[in-house]
């Protein structure tokens, strides 16, 4: 087992959802594509700044993300890697081991530092399968993504019975995800020293400060369909407050939702595609919001009436 407790983690985990191509790749999801050299340069810069934990998945770019990350690891070794198994609706005992082997081949590693169940399908059965992989040394730690507190507790019981513990929880968590609903899960994670990785903290750029009702997302991509300009109008007061707070701390607007996620007891998982974004993140990760600022952001987010929830997410109510 590796130590994934917060004091042994960087302030943010770096995600590679926007790397790669195809149906789950950058252009289809985000409406833009970074060239490979730019991504390699981004990785090198982030590593130099101390962001040494990288997250990927077998479905990101249909494996292309893992292949690109392997190129990065060859140039600058030393990163911790998490990747994910996408389960089928029907549990198959051999499925996780096969997915793991394929991911390790693409990443050119012997074992990931953290291996996630990407969706909460057959959580108990898949956790038992993960226990076998842990005992065999094929994964160093096991985590769950997109899960409820009940599912997390059930998996933890199975793991502790075999002498292991959950390595992390990774859930969608942002100002616009109705965050209060996940507060009990986050508290349970912190009480049990299980990191809670919060992804989509910037809502795929909607909370970055780079877009508004005047300048929306690139057309014909998933995020432009999920976040039209009408939603940007509703969150305009929230974006304005973020900008004011960012100016106070001398950072970019995109760093304020990240600081908010840290204040909520989570470890933000942030996608990077440009070296300058790594520099921005390094500056923003040092920001500690005042309680009044966090509360004001919460209030404006609730007042907007905008709630983003993926079809893959459990019901937290």
C-alpha atoms as a PDB file:
ATOM      1  CA  UNK A   1       0.000   0.000   0.000  1.00  0.00           C
ATOM      2  CA  UNK A   2       1.168   3.519  -0.728  1.00  0.00           C
ATOM      3  CA  UNK A   3       0.449   6.488   1.517  1.00  0.00           C
ATOM      4  CA  UNK A   4      -2.129   8.674  -0.225  1.00  0.00           C
ATOM      5  CA  UNK A   5      -3.008  10.726   2.843  1.00  0.00           C
ATOM      6  CA  UNK A   6      -3.275  14.440   2.128  1.00  0.00           C
ATOM      7  CA  UNK A   7       0.022  15.389   3.760  1.00  0.00           C
ATOM      8  CA  UNK A   8       1.790  13.107   1.261  1.00  0.00           C
ATOM      9  CA  UNK A   9      -0.021  14.485  -1.789  1.00  0.00           C
ATOM     10  CA  UNK A  10       0.601  17.626  -3.818  1.00  0.00           C
ATOM     11  CA  UNK A  11      -2.087  20.309  -3.349  1.00  0.00           C
ATOM     12  CA  UNK A  12      -3.657  19.324  -6.671  1.00  0.00           C
ATOM     13  CA  UNK A  13      -3.781  16.171  -8.788  1.00  0.00           C
ATOM     14  CA  UNK A  14      -3.292  16.661 -12.531  1.00  0.00           C
ATOM     15  CA  UNK A  15      -5.857  15.133 -14.887  1.00  0.00           C
ATOM     16  CA  UNK A  16      -5.537  14.103 -18.529  1.00  0.00           C
ATOM     17  CA  UNK A  17      -9.180  13.819 -19.623  1.00  0.00           C
ATOM     18  CA  UNK A  18      -8.494  16.478 -22.261  1.00  0.00           C
ATOM     19  CA  UNK A  19      -5.580  14.502 -23.715  1.00  0.00           C
ATOM     20  CA  UNK A  20      -6.009  12.180 -26.654  1.00  0.00           C
ATOM     21  CA  UNK A  21      -8.535  11.913 -29.463  1.00  0.00           C
ATOM     22  CA  UNK A  22     -11.645  10.057 -30.546  1.00  0.00           C
ATOM     23  CA  UNK A  23     -15.107   9.887 -29.003  1.00  0.00           C
ATOM     24  CA  UNK A  24     -13.766  10.514 -25.489  1.00  0.00           C
ATOM     25  CA  UNK A  25     -10.971  12.796 -26.622  1.00  0.00           C
ATOM     26  CA  UNK A  26     -10.224  16.479 -26.380  1.00  0.00           C
ATOM     27  CA  UNK A  27     -11.940  17.774 -29.512  1.00  0.00           C
ATOM     28  CA  UNK A  28     -15.179  15.880 -28.970  1.00  0.00           C
ATOM     29  CA  UNK A  29     -15.462  16.757 -25.276  1.00  0.00           C
ATOM     30  CA  UNK A  30     -13.728  20.128 -25.070  1.00  0.00           C
ATOM     31  CA  UNK A  31     -13.874  21.462 -28.623  1.00  0.00           C
ATOM     32  CA  UNK A  32     -10.124  21.927 -28.930  1.00  0.00           C
ATOM     33  CA  UNK A  33      -7.008  19.816 -29.197  1.00  0.00           C
ATOM     34  CA  UNK A  34      -3.495  20.364 -27.908  1.00  0.00           C
ATOM     35  CA  UNK A  35      -0.580  18.990 -29.890  1.00  0.00           C
ATOM     36  CA  UNK A  36       1.477  16.241 -28.303  1.00  0.00           C
ATOM     37  CA  UNK A  37       4.614  18.312 -27.786  1.00  0.00           C
ATOM     38  CA  UNK A  38       2.586  20.935 -25.941  1.00  0.00           C
ATOM     39  CA  UNK A  39       1.231  18.266 -23.609  1.00  0.00           C
ATOM     40  CA  UNK A  40       4.705  16.836 -23.027  1.00  0.00           C
ATOM     41  CA  UNK A  41       5.986  20.330 -22.223  1.00  0.00           C
ATOM     42  CA  UNK A  42       3.017  20.852 -19.879  1.00  0.00           C
ATOM     43  CA  UNK A  43       3.827  17.636 -18.026  1.00  0.00           C
ATOM     44  CA  UNK A  44       7.490  18.612 -17.637  1.00  0.00           C
ATOM     45  CA  UNK A  45       6.612  22.071 -16.324  1.00  0.00           C
ATOM     46  CA  UNK A  46       4.036  20.741 -13.867  1.00  0.00           C
ATOM     47  CA  UNK A  47       6.469  18.130 -12.561  1.00  0.00           C
ATOM     48  CA  UNK A  48       9.106  20.820 -12.046  1.00  0.00           C
ATOM     49  CA  UNK A  49       6.589  22.752  -9.947  1.00  0.00           C
ATOM     50  CA  UNK A  50       5.871  19.766  -7.731  1.00  0.00           C
ATOM     51  CA  UNK A  51       2.649  18.460  -9.287  1.00  0.00           C
ATOM     52  CA  UNK A  52       3.763  14.853  -9.282  1.00  0.00           C
ATOM     53  CA  UNK A  53       0.479  12.901  -9.159  1.00  0.00           C
ATOM     54  CA  UNK A  54      -1.181  12.311 -12.537  1.00  0.00           C
ATOM     55  CA  UNK A  55      -4.595  10.838 -13.265  1.00  0.00           C
ATOM     56  CA  UNK A  56      -5.757   9.127 -16.439  1.00  0.00           C
ATOM     57  CA  UNK A  57      -8.164   6.377 -17.538  1.00  0.00           C
ATOM     58  CA  UNK A  58      -8.454   3.674 -20.150  1.00  0.00           C
ATOM     59  CA  UNK A  59     -11.386   5.511 -21.785  1.00  0.00           C
ATOM     60  CA  UNK A  60      -9.685   8.911 -22.060  1.00  0.00           C
ATOM     61  CA  UNK A  61      -9.094   9.195 -25.776  1.00  0.00           C
ATOM     62  CA  UNK A  62      -9.702   5.428 -25.940  1.00  0.00           C
ATOM     63  CA  UNK A  63      -6.265   4.758 -24.438  1.00  0.00           C
ATOM     64  CA  UNK A  64      -4.469   7.625 -26.160  1.00  0.00           C
ATOM     65  CA  UNK A  65      -4.178   9.576 -22.913  1.00  0.00           C
ATOM     66  CA  UNK A  66      -2.313   6.686 -21.287  1.00  0.00           C
ATOM     67  CA  UNK A  67       0.008   6.384 -24.291  1.00  0.00           C
ATOM     68  CA  UNK A  68       0.824  10.106 -24.174  1.00  0.00           C
ATOM     69  CA  UNK A  69       1.451   9.944 -20.447  1.00  0.00           C
ATOM     70  CA  UNK A  70       3.870   7.063 -21.054  1.00  0.00           C
ATOM     71  CA  UNK A  71       5.884   9.312 -23.382  1.00  0.00           C
ATOM     72  CA  UNK A  72       6.000  11.949 -20.645  1.00  0.00           C
ATOM     73  CA  UNK A  73       7.130   9.446 -18.024  1.00  0.00           C
ATOM     74  CA  UNK A  74      10.049   8.393 -20.219  1.00  0.00           C
ATOM     75  CA  UNK A  75      11.261  11.988 -20.424  1.00  0.00           C
ATOM     76  CA  UNK A  76      10.621  12.982 -16.817  1.00  0.00           C
ATOM     77  CA  UNK A  77      10.189   9.947 -14.534  1.00  0.00           C
ATOM     78  CA  UNK A  78       9.043   9.977 -10.949  1.00  0.00           C
ATOM     79  CA  UNK A  79       5.330  10.741 -11.217  1.00  0.00           C
ATOM     80  CA  UNK A  80       2.690   8.795  -9.343  1.00  0.00           C
ATOM     81  CA  UNK A  81       0.008   7.485 -11.688  1.00  0.00           C
ATOM     82  CA  UNK A  82      -3.642   6.680 -11.218  1.00  0.00           C
ATOM     83  CA  UNK A  83      -5.750   5.132 -13.945  1.00  0.00           C
ATOM     84  CA  UNK A  84      -9.220   3.593 -14.058  1.00  0.00           C
ATOM     85  CA  UNK A  85     -11.175   0.489 -15.005  1.00  0.00           C
ATOM     86  CA  UNK A  86     -14.471   1.108 -16.799  1.00  0.00           C
ATOM     87  CA  UNK A  87     -16.729  -1.742 -15.664  1.00  0.00           C
ATOM     88  CA  UNK A  88     -19.512  -3.305 -17.648  1.00  0.00           C
ATOM     89  CA  UNK A  89     -23.061  -3.501 -16.369  1.00  0.00           C
ATOM     90  CA  UNK A  90     -22.618  -7.224 -15.825  1.00  0.00           C
ATOM     91  CA  UNK A  91     -19.789  -8.192 -13.515  1.00  0.00           C
ATOM     92  CA  UNK A  92     -17.154 -10.399 -15.098  1.00  0.00           C
ATOM     93  CA  UNK A  93     -14.470 -11.716 -12.717  1.00  0.00           C
ATOM     94  CA  UNK A  94     -11.647 -11.370 -15.235  1.00  0.00           C
ATOM     95  CA  UNK A  95     -12.565  -7.928 -16.588  1.00  0.00           C
ATOM     96  CA  UNK A  96     -10.668  -5.736 -14.126  1.00  0.00           C
ATOM     97  CA  UNK A  97      -7.444  -7.729 -14.438  1.00  0.00           C
ATOM     98  CA  UNK A  98      -7.622  -7.548 -18.243  1.00  0.00           C
ATOM     99  CA  UNK A  99      -8.257  -3.797 -18.211  1.00  0.00           C
ATOM    100  CA  UNK A 100      -5.403  -3.285 -15.772  1.00  0.00           C
ATOM    101  CA  UNK A 101      -2.976  -5.270 -17.916  1.00  0.00           C
ATOM    102  CA  UNK A 102      -3.904  -3.231 -20.995  1.00  0.00           C
ATOM    103  CA  UNK A 103      -3.486   0.070 -19.121  1.00  0.00           C
ATOM    104  CA  UNK A 104      -0.092  -0.998 -17.778  1.00  0.00           C
ATOM    105  CA  UNK A 105       1.047  -1.876 -21.306  1.00  0.00           C
ATOM    106  CA  UNK A 106      -0.017   1.528 -22.617  1.00  0.00           C
ATOM    107  CA  UNK A 107       1.535   3.364 -19.656  1.00  0.00           C
ATOM    108  CA  UNK A 108       4.611   1.108 -19.729  1.00  0.00           C
ATOM    109  CA  UNK A 109       4.506   0.607 -15.961  1.00  0.00           C
ATOM    110  CA  UNK A 110       4.387  -2.485 -13.762  1.00  0.00           C
ATOM    111  CA  UNK A 111       1.599  -1.260 -11.486  1.00  0.00           C
ATOM    112  CA  UNK A 112      -0.349   1.990 -11.055  1.00  0.00           C
ATOM    113  CA  UNK A 113      -0.018   3.780  -7.749  1.00  0.00           C
ATOM    114  CA  UNK A 114      -3.802   4.061  -7.583  1.00  0.00           C
ATOM    115  CA  UNK A 115      -6.398   2.122  -9.573  1.00  0.00           C
ATOM    116  CA  UNK A 116      -9.978   3.394  -9.668  1.00  0.00           C
ATOM    117  CA  UNK A 117     -13.272   1.749 -10.423  1.00  0.00           C
ATOM    118  CA  UNK A 118     -14.473   4.407 -12.867  1.00  0.00           C
ATOM    119  CA  UNK A 119     -18.215   3.926 -12.347  1.00  0.00           C
ATOM    120  CA  UNK A 120     -20.031   2.339  -9.377  1.00  0.00           C
ATOM    121  CA  UNK A 121     -21.127  -0.816 -11.169  1.00  0.00           C
ATOM    122  CA  UNK A 122     -21.212  -3.923  -8.947  1.00  0.00           C
ATOM    123  CA  UNK A 123     -19.078  -2.152  -6.336  1.00  0.00           C
ATOM    124  CA  UNK A 124     -18.793  -5.095  -3.941  1.00  0.00           C
ATOM    125  CA  UNK A 125     -17.834  -7.616  -6.629  1.00  0.00           C
ATOM    126  CA  UNK A 126     -15.313  -5.240  -8.207  1.00  0.00           C
ATOM    127  CA  UNK A 127     -13.806  -4.392  -4.821  1.00  0.00           C
ATOM    128  CA  UNK A 128     -13.242  -8.098  -4.165  1.00  0.00           C
ATOM    129  CA  UNK A 129     -11.546  -8.293  -7.580  1.00  0.00           C
ATOM    130  CA  UNK A 130      -9.358  -5.345  -6.581  1.00  0.00           C
ATOM    131  CA  UNK A 131      -8.378  -7.092  -3.348  1.00  0.00           C
ATOM    132  CA  UNK A 132      -6.946  -9.943  -5.422  1.00  0.00           C
ATOM    133  CA  UNK A 133      -4.920  -7.445  -7.469  1.00  0.00           C
ATOM    134  CA  UNK A 134      -3.693  -5.733  -4.300  1.00  0.00           C
ATOM    135  CA  UNK A 135      -2.576  -9.043  -2.802  1.00  0.00           C
ATOM    136  CA  UNK A 136      -0.745  -9.883  -6.027  1.00  0.00           C
ATOM    137  CA  UNK A 137       1.019  -6.496  -6.046  1.00  0.00           C
ATOM    138  CA  UNK A 138      -0.490  -5.581  -9.407  1.00  0.00           C
ATOM    139  CA  UNK A 139      -1.962  -2.370  -8.026  1.00  0.00           C
ATOM    140  CA  UNK A 140      -0.606  -0.349  -5.121  1.00  0.00           C
ATOM    141  CA  UNK A 141      -3.896   1.148  -3.995  1.00  0.00           C
ATOM    142  CA  UNK A 142      -7.574   0.990  -4.977  1.00  0.00           C
ATOM    143  CA  UNK A 143     -10.087   3.815  -5.229  1.00  0.00           C
ATOM    144  CA  UNK A 144     -13.656   4.533  -6.289  1.00  0.00           C
ATOM    145  CA  UNK A 145     -14.971   7.181  -8.650  1.00  0.00           C
ATOM    146  CA  UNK A 146     -18.487   8.617  -8.911  1.00  0.00           C
ATOM    147  CA  UNK A 147     -19.751   6.936  -5.748  1.00  0.00           C
ATOM    148  CA  UNK A 148     -22.058   7.635  -2.831  1.00  0.00           C
ATOM    149  CA  UNK A 149     -21.180   7.433   0.860  1.00  0.00           C
ATOM    150  CA  UNK A 150     -23.013   4.119   1.157  1.00  0.00           C
ATOM    151  CA  UNK A 151     -20.996   2.619  -1.699  1.00  0.00           C
ATOM    152  CA  UNK A 152     -17.737   3.975  -0.287  1.00  0.00           C
ATOM    153  CA  UNK A 153     -18.421   2.474   3.134  1.00  0.00           C
ATOM    154  CA  UNK A 154     -19.303  -0.921   1.627  1.00  0.00           C
ATOM    155  CA  UNK A 155     -16.034  -1.005  -0.329  1.00  0.00           C
ATOM    156  CA  UNK A 156     -14.034   0.121   2.702  1.00  0.00           C
ATOM    157  CA  UNK A 157     -15.476  -2.735   4.774  1.00  0.00           C
ATOM    158  CA  UNK A 158     -14.367  -5.271   2.143  1.00  0.00           C
ATOM    159  CA  UNK A 159     -10.892  -3.766   1.912  1.00  0.00           C
ATOM    160  CA  UNK A 160     -10.282  -3.492   5.649  1.00  0.00           C
ATOM    161  CA  UNK A 161     -11.306  -7.126   6.109  1.00  0.00           C
ATOM    162  CA  UNK A 162      -8.285  -8.002   3.947  1.00  0.00           C
ATOM    163  CA  UNK A 163      -5.901  -5.525   5.557  1.00  0.00           C
ATOM    164  CA  UNK A 164      -6.268  -2.726   2.990  1.00  0.00           C
ATOM    165  CA  UNK A 165      -8.029   0.633   2.847  1.00  0.00           C
ATOM    166  CA  UNK A 166      -9.472   2.872   0.160  1.00  0.00           C
ATOM    167  CA  UNK A 167      -6.766   4.852  -1.583  1.00  0.00           C
ATOM    168  CA  UNK A 168      -9.055   7.704  -2.652  1.00  0.00           C
ATOM    169  CA  UNK A 169     -12.519   8.746  -3.738  1.00  0.00           C
ATOM    170  CA  UNK A 170     -12.795  10.709  -6.988  1.00  0.00           C
ATOM    171  CA  UNK A 171     -16.092  12.538  -7.572  1.00  0.00           C
ATOM    172  CA  UNK A 172     -17.416  15.504  -9.507  1.00  0.00           C
ATOM    173  CA  UNK A 173     -17.418  18.417  -7.050  1.00  0.00           C
ATOM    174  CA  UNK A 174     -17.712  22.108  -7.806  1.00  0.00           C
ATOM    175  CA  UNK A 175     -19.562  25.275  -6.870  1.00  0.00           C
ATOM    176  CA  UNK A 176     -22.239  24.235  -9.368  1.00  0.00           C
ATOM    177  CA  UNK A 177     -22.604  20.564  -8.430  1.00  0.00           C
ATOM    178  CA  UNK A 178     -24.830  21.156  -5.379  1.00  0.00           C
ATOM    179  CA  UNK A 179     -21.782  20.578  -3.174  1.00  0.00           C
ATOM    180  CA  UNK A 180     -23.619  20.416   0.158  1.00  0.00           C
ATOM    181  CA  UNK A 181     -24.975  16.998  -0.821  1.00  0.00           C
ATOM    182  CA  UNK A 182     -21.475  15.510  -0.769  1.00  0.00           C
ATOM    183  CA  UNK A 183     -20.411  17.124   2.500  1.00  0.00           C
ATOM    184  CA  UNK A 184     -21.094  13.917   4.536  1.00  0.00           C
ATOM    185  CA  UNK A 185     -18.978  11.857   2.099  1.00  0.00           C
ATOM    186  CA  UNK A 186     -16.129  14.365   2.242  1.00  0.00           C
ATOM    187  CA  UNK A 187     -16.292  14.435   6.046  1.00  0.00           C
ATOM    188  CA  UNK A 188     -16.200  10.629   6.176  1.00  0.00           C
ATOM    189  CA  UNK A 189     -13.185  10.607   3.845  1.00  0.00           C
ATOM    190  CA  UNK A 190     -11.326  13.140   5.960  1.00  0.00           C
ATOM    191  CA  UNK A 191     -12.214  11.320   9.187  1.00  0.00           C
ATOM    192  CA  UNK A 192     -10.757   8.122   7.719  1.00  0.00           C
ATOM    193  CA  UNK A 193      -7.740   9.777   6.052  1.00  0.00           C
ATOM    194  CA  UNK A 194      -9.027   8.914   2.586  1.00  0.00           C
ATOM    195  CA  UNK A 195      -8.309  11.674   0.045  1.00  0.00           C
ATOM    196  CA  UNK A 196     -11.317  13.036  -1.823  1.00  0.00           C
ATOM    197  CA  UNK A 197     -10.229  14.023  -5.344  1.00  0.00           C
ATOM    198  CA  UNK A 198     -12.635  16.646  -6.680  1.00  0.00           C
ATOM    199  CA  UNK A 199     -12.857  16.702 -10.471  1.00  0.00           C
ATOM    200  CA  UNK A 200     -14.612  19.187 -12.774  1.00  0.00           C
ATOM    201  CA  UNK A 201     -13.889  21.887 -10.181  1.00  0.00           C
ATOM    202  CA  UNK A 202     -13.817  24.382 -13.061  1.00  0.00           C
ATOM    203  CA  UNK A 203     -16.804  22.748 -14.773  1.00  0.00           C
ATOM    204  CA  UNK A 204     -14.725  22.086 -17.892  1.00  0.00           C
ATOM    205  CA  UNK A 205     -13.852  25.791 -18.095  1.00  0.00           C
ATOM    206  CA  UNK A 206     -17.217  27.386 -17.258  1.00  0.00           C
ATOM    207  CA  UNK A 207     -15.713  28.639 -13.974  1.00  0.00           C
ATOM    208  CA  UNK A 208     -12.307  29.494 -15.401  1.00  0.00           C
ATOM    209  CA  UNK A 209     -13.088  33.129 -16.108  1.00  0.00           C
ATOM    210  CA  UNK A 210     -12.177  32.660 -19.767  1.00  0.00           C
ATOM    211  CA  UNK A 211     -15.787  32.255 -20.916  1.00  0.00           C
ATOM    212  CA  UNK A 212     -19.034  34.161 -20.407  1.00  0.00           C
ATOM    213  CA  UNK A 213     -22.408  34.838 -22.025  1.00  0.00           C
ATOM    214  CA  UNK A 214     -20.499  36.994 -24.522  1.00  0.00           C
ATOM    215  CA  UNK A 215     -17.844  34.389 -25.292  1.00  0.00           C
ATOM    216  CA  UNK A 216     -19.146  30.851 -24.988  1.00  0.00           C
ATOM    217  CA  UNK A 217     -17.469  27.483 -25.487  1.00  0.00           C
ATOM    218  CA  UNK A 218     -16.346  26.333 -28.946  1.00  0.00           C
ATOM    219  CA  UNK A 219     -19.376  25.071 -30.899  1.00  0.00           C
ATOM    220  CA  UNK A 220     -20.117  21.416 -31.633  1.00  0.00           C
ATOM    221  CA  UNK A 221     -18.508  19.947 -28.534  1.00  0.00           C
ATOM    222  CA  UNK A 222     -19.933  18.368 -25.407  1.00  0.00           C
ATOM    223  CA  UNK A 223     -19.302  21.303 -23.104  1.00  0.00           C
ATOM    224  CA  UNK A 224     -20.994  23.835 -25.423  1.00  0.00           C
ATOM    225  CA  UNK A 225     -24.076  21.621 -25.434  1.00  0.00           C
ATOM    226  CA  UNK A 226     -24.017  21.166 -21.663  1.00  0.00           C
ATOM    227  CA  UNK A 227     -23.270  24.815 -20.861  1.00  0.00           C
ATOM    228  CA  UNK A 228     -24.940  27.235 -23.315  1.00  0.00           C
ATOM    229  CA  UNK A 229     -24.678  31.015 -23.013  1.00  0.00           C
ATOM    230  CA  UNK A 230     -27.984  31.128 -21.122  1.00  0.00           C
ATOM    231  CA  UNK A 231     -26.300  29.380 -18.184  1.00  0.00           C
ATOM    232  CA  UNK A 232     -23.385  31.816 -18.305  1.00  0.00           C
ATOM    233  CA  UNK A 233     -25.899  34.662 -17.839  1.00  0.00           C
ATOM    234  CA  UNK A 234     -27.201  32.972 -14.689  1.00  0.00           C
ATOM    235  CA  UNK A 235     -23.749  32.597 -13.146  1.00  0.00           C
ATOM    236  CA  UNK A 236     -22.539  36.087 -14.128  1.00  0.00           C
ATOM    237  CA  UNK A 237     -22.640  37.390 -10.509  1.00  0.00           C
ATOM    238  CA  UNK A 238     -20.638  34.364  -9.353  1.00  0.00           C
ATOM    239  CA  UNK A 239     -18.025  34.933 -12.059  1.00  0.00           C
ATOM    240  CA  UNK A 240     -17.812  38.597 -11.093  1.00  0.00           C
ATOM    241  CA  UNK A 241     -17.180  37.770  -7.435  1.00  0.00           C
ATOM    242  CA  UNK A 242     -14.555  35.226  -8.431  1.00  0.00           C
ATOM    243  CA  UNK A 243     -12.793  37.930 -10.441  1.00  0.00           C
ATOM    244  CA  UNK A 244     -12.847  40.353  -7.491  1.00  0.00           C
ATOM    245  CA  UNK A 245     -11.425  37.743  -5.108  1.00  0.00           C
ATOM    246  CA  UNK A 246      -8.785  36.737  -7.668  1.00  0.00           C
ATOM    247  CA  UNK A 247      -7.634  40.332  -7.965  1.00  0.00           C
ATOM    248  CA  UNK A 248      -7.254  40.516  -4.188  1.00  0.00           C
ATOM    249  CA  UNK A 249      -4.945  37.478  -4.177  1.00  0.00           C
ATOM    250  CA  UNK A 250      -3.149  38.442  -7.418  1.00  0.00           C
ATOM    251  CA  UNK A 251      -4.079  35.226  -9.228  1.00  0.00           C
ATOM    252  CA  UNK A 252      -6.190  34.329 -12.236  1.00  0.00           C
ATOM    253  CA  UNK A 253      -9.942  33.898 -11.833  1.00  0.00           C
ATOM    254  CA  UNK A 254      -9.630  30.183 -12.556  1.00  0.00           C
ATOM    255  CA  UNK A 255      -7.705  29.692  -9.318  1.00  0.00           C
ATOM    256  CA  UNK A 256     -10.568  30.748  -7.055  1.00  0.00           C
ATOM    257  CA  UNK A 257     -12.784  27.657  -7.552  1.00  0.00           C
ATOM    258  CA  UNK A 258      -9.661  25.567  -6.943  1.00  0.00           C
ATOM    259  CA  UNK A 259      -8.958  27.389  -3.676  1.00  0.00           C
ATOM    260  CA  UNK A 260     -12.652  26.925  -2.794  1.00  0.00           C
ATOM    261  CA  UNK A 261     -12.393  23.150  -3.371  1.00  0.00           C
ATOM    262  CA  UNK A 262      -9.316  22.976  -1.132  1.00  0.00           C
ATOM    263  CA  UNK A 263     -11.181  24.947   1.557  1.00  0.00           C
ATOM    264  CA  UNK A 264     -13.955  22.333   1.379  1.00  0.00           C
ATOM    265  CA  UNK A 265     -11.516  19.591   2.394  1.00  0.00           C
ATOM    266  CA  UNK A 266     -10.850  18.103  -1.030  1.00  0.00           C
ATOM    267  CA  UNK A 267      -7.842  17.636  -3.300  1.00  0.00           C
ATOM    268  CA  UNK A 268      -8.706  19.258  -6.647  1.00  0.00           C
ATOM    269  CA  UNK A 269      -8.031  17.256  -9.793  1.00  0.00           C
ATOM    270  CA  UNK A 270      -7.216  19.802 -12.476  1.00  0.00           C
ATOM    271  CA  UNK A 271      -6.698  19.201 -16.177  1.00  0.00           C
ATOM    272  CA  UNK A 272      -3.695  20.910 -17.748  1.00  0.00           C
ATOM    273  CA  UNK A 273      -2.952  21.315 -21.455  1.00  0.00           C
ATOM    274  CA  UNK A 274      -0.532  24.266 -21.492  1.00  0.00           C
ATOM    275  CA  UNK A 275       2.664  24.955 -19.507  1.00  0.00           C
ATOM    276  CA  UNK A 276       1.384  28.376 -18.445  1.00  0.00           C
ATOM    277  CA  UNK A 277      -1.621  26.701 -16.795  1.00  0.00           C
ATOM    278  CA  UNK A 278       0.811  24.826 -14.561  1.00  0.00           C
ATOM    279  CA  UNK A 279       2.356  28.137 -13.512  1.00  0.00           C
ATOM    280  CA  UNK A 280      -1.112  29.557 -12.824  1.00  0.00           C
ATOM    281  CA  UNK A 281      -1.998  26.515 -10.740  1.00  0.00           C
ATOM    282  CA  UNK A 282       1.213  26.790  -8.737  1.00  0.00           C
ATOM    283  CA  UNK A 283       0.313  30.363  -7.790  1.00  0.00           C
ATOM    284  CA  UNK A 284      -3.323  29.571  -7.097  1.00  0.00           C
ATOM    285  CA  UNK A 285      -2.651  26.509  -4.929  1.00  0.00           C
ATOM    286  CA  UNK A 286      -1.100  28.840  -2.356  1.00  0.00           C
ATOM    287  CA  UNK A 287      -4.328  30.835  -1.932  1.00  0.00           C
ATOM    288  CA  UNK A 288      -6.271  30.302   1.297  1.00  0.00           C
ATOM    289  CA  UNK A 289      -9.736  31.804   1.113  1.00  0.00           C
ATOM    290  CA  UNK A 290     -11.319  33.495   4.108  1.00  0.00           C
ATOM    291  CA  UNK A 291     -14.457  31.846   5.483  1.00  0.00           C
ATOM    292  CA  UNK A 292     -16.543  34.844   4.410  1.00  0.00           C
ATOM    293  CA  UNK A 293     -15.299  34.514   0.840  1.00  0.00           C
ATOM    294  CA  UNK A 294     -16.097  30.811   0.705  1.00  0.00           C
ATOM    295  CA  UNK A 295     -19.590  31.489   2.080  1.00  0.00           C
ATOM    296  CA  UNK A 296     -20.198  34.278  -0.459  1.00  0.00           C
ATOM    297  CA  UNK A 297     -19.191  31.996  -3.325  1.00  0.00           C
ATOM    298  CA  UNK A 298     -21.520  29.292  -1.985  1.00  0.00           C
ATOM    299  CA  UNK A 299     -24.410  31.751  -1.774  1.00  0.00           C
ATOM    300  CA  UNK A 300     -24.037  33.109  -5.315  1.00  0.00           C
ATOM    301  CA  UNK A 301     -23.660  29.608  -6.718  1.00  0.00           C
ATOM    302  CA  UNK A 302     -26.913  28.539  -5.027  1.00  0.00           C
ATOM    303  CA  UNK A 303     -28.682  31.725  -6.104  1.00  0.00           C
ATOM    304  CA  UNK A 304     -27.773  31.082  -9.753  1.00  0.00           C
ATOM    305  CA  UNK A 305     -30.012  28.026  -9.809  1.00  0.00           C
ATOM    306  CA  UNK A 306     -27.479  26.266 -12.058  1.00  0.00           C
ATOM    307  CA  UNK A 307     -26.727  22.696 -10.992  1.00  0.00           C
ATOM    308  CA  UNK A 308     -24.474  20.493 -13.116  1.00  0.00           C
ATOM    309  CA  UNK A 309     -24.853  16.762 -12.684  1.00  0.00           C
ATOM    310  CA  UNK A 310     -23.564  14.077 -15.017  1.00  0.00           C
ATOM    311  CA  UNK A 311     -25.820  11.208 -16.007  1.00  0.00           C
ATOM    312  CA  UNK A 312     -23.135   8.896 -14.589  1.00  0.00           C
ATOM    313  CA  UNK A 313     -23.330  10.374 -11.069  1.00  0.00           C
ATOM    314  CA  UNK A 314     -25.177   8.767  -8.147  1.00  0.00           C
ATOM    315  CA  UNK A 315     -28.079  10.433  -6.354  1.00  0.00           C
ATOM    316  CA  UNK A 316     -26.575  12.164  -3.321  1.00  0.00           C
ATOM    317  CA  UNK A 317     -29.883  13.480  -1.949  1.00  0.00           C
END
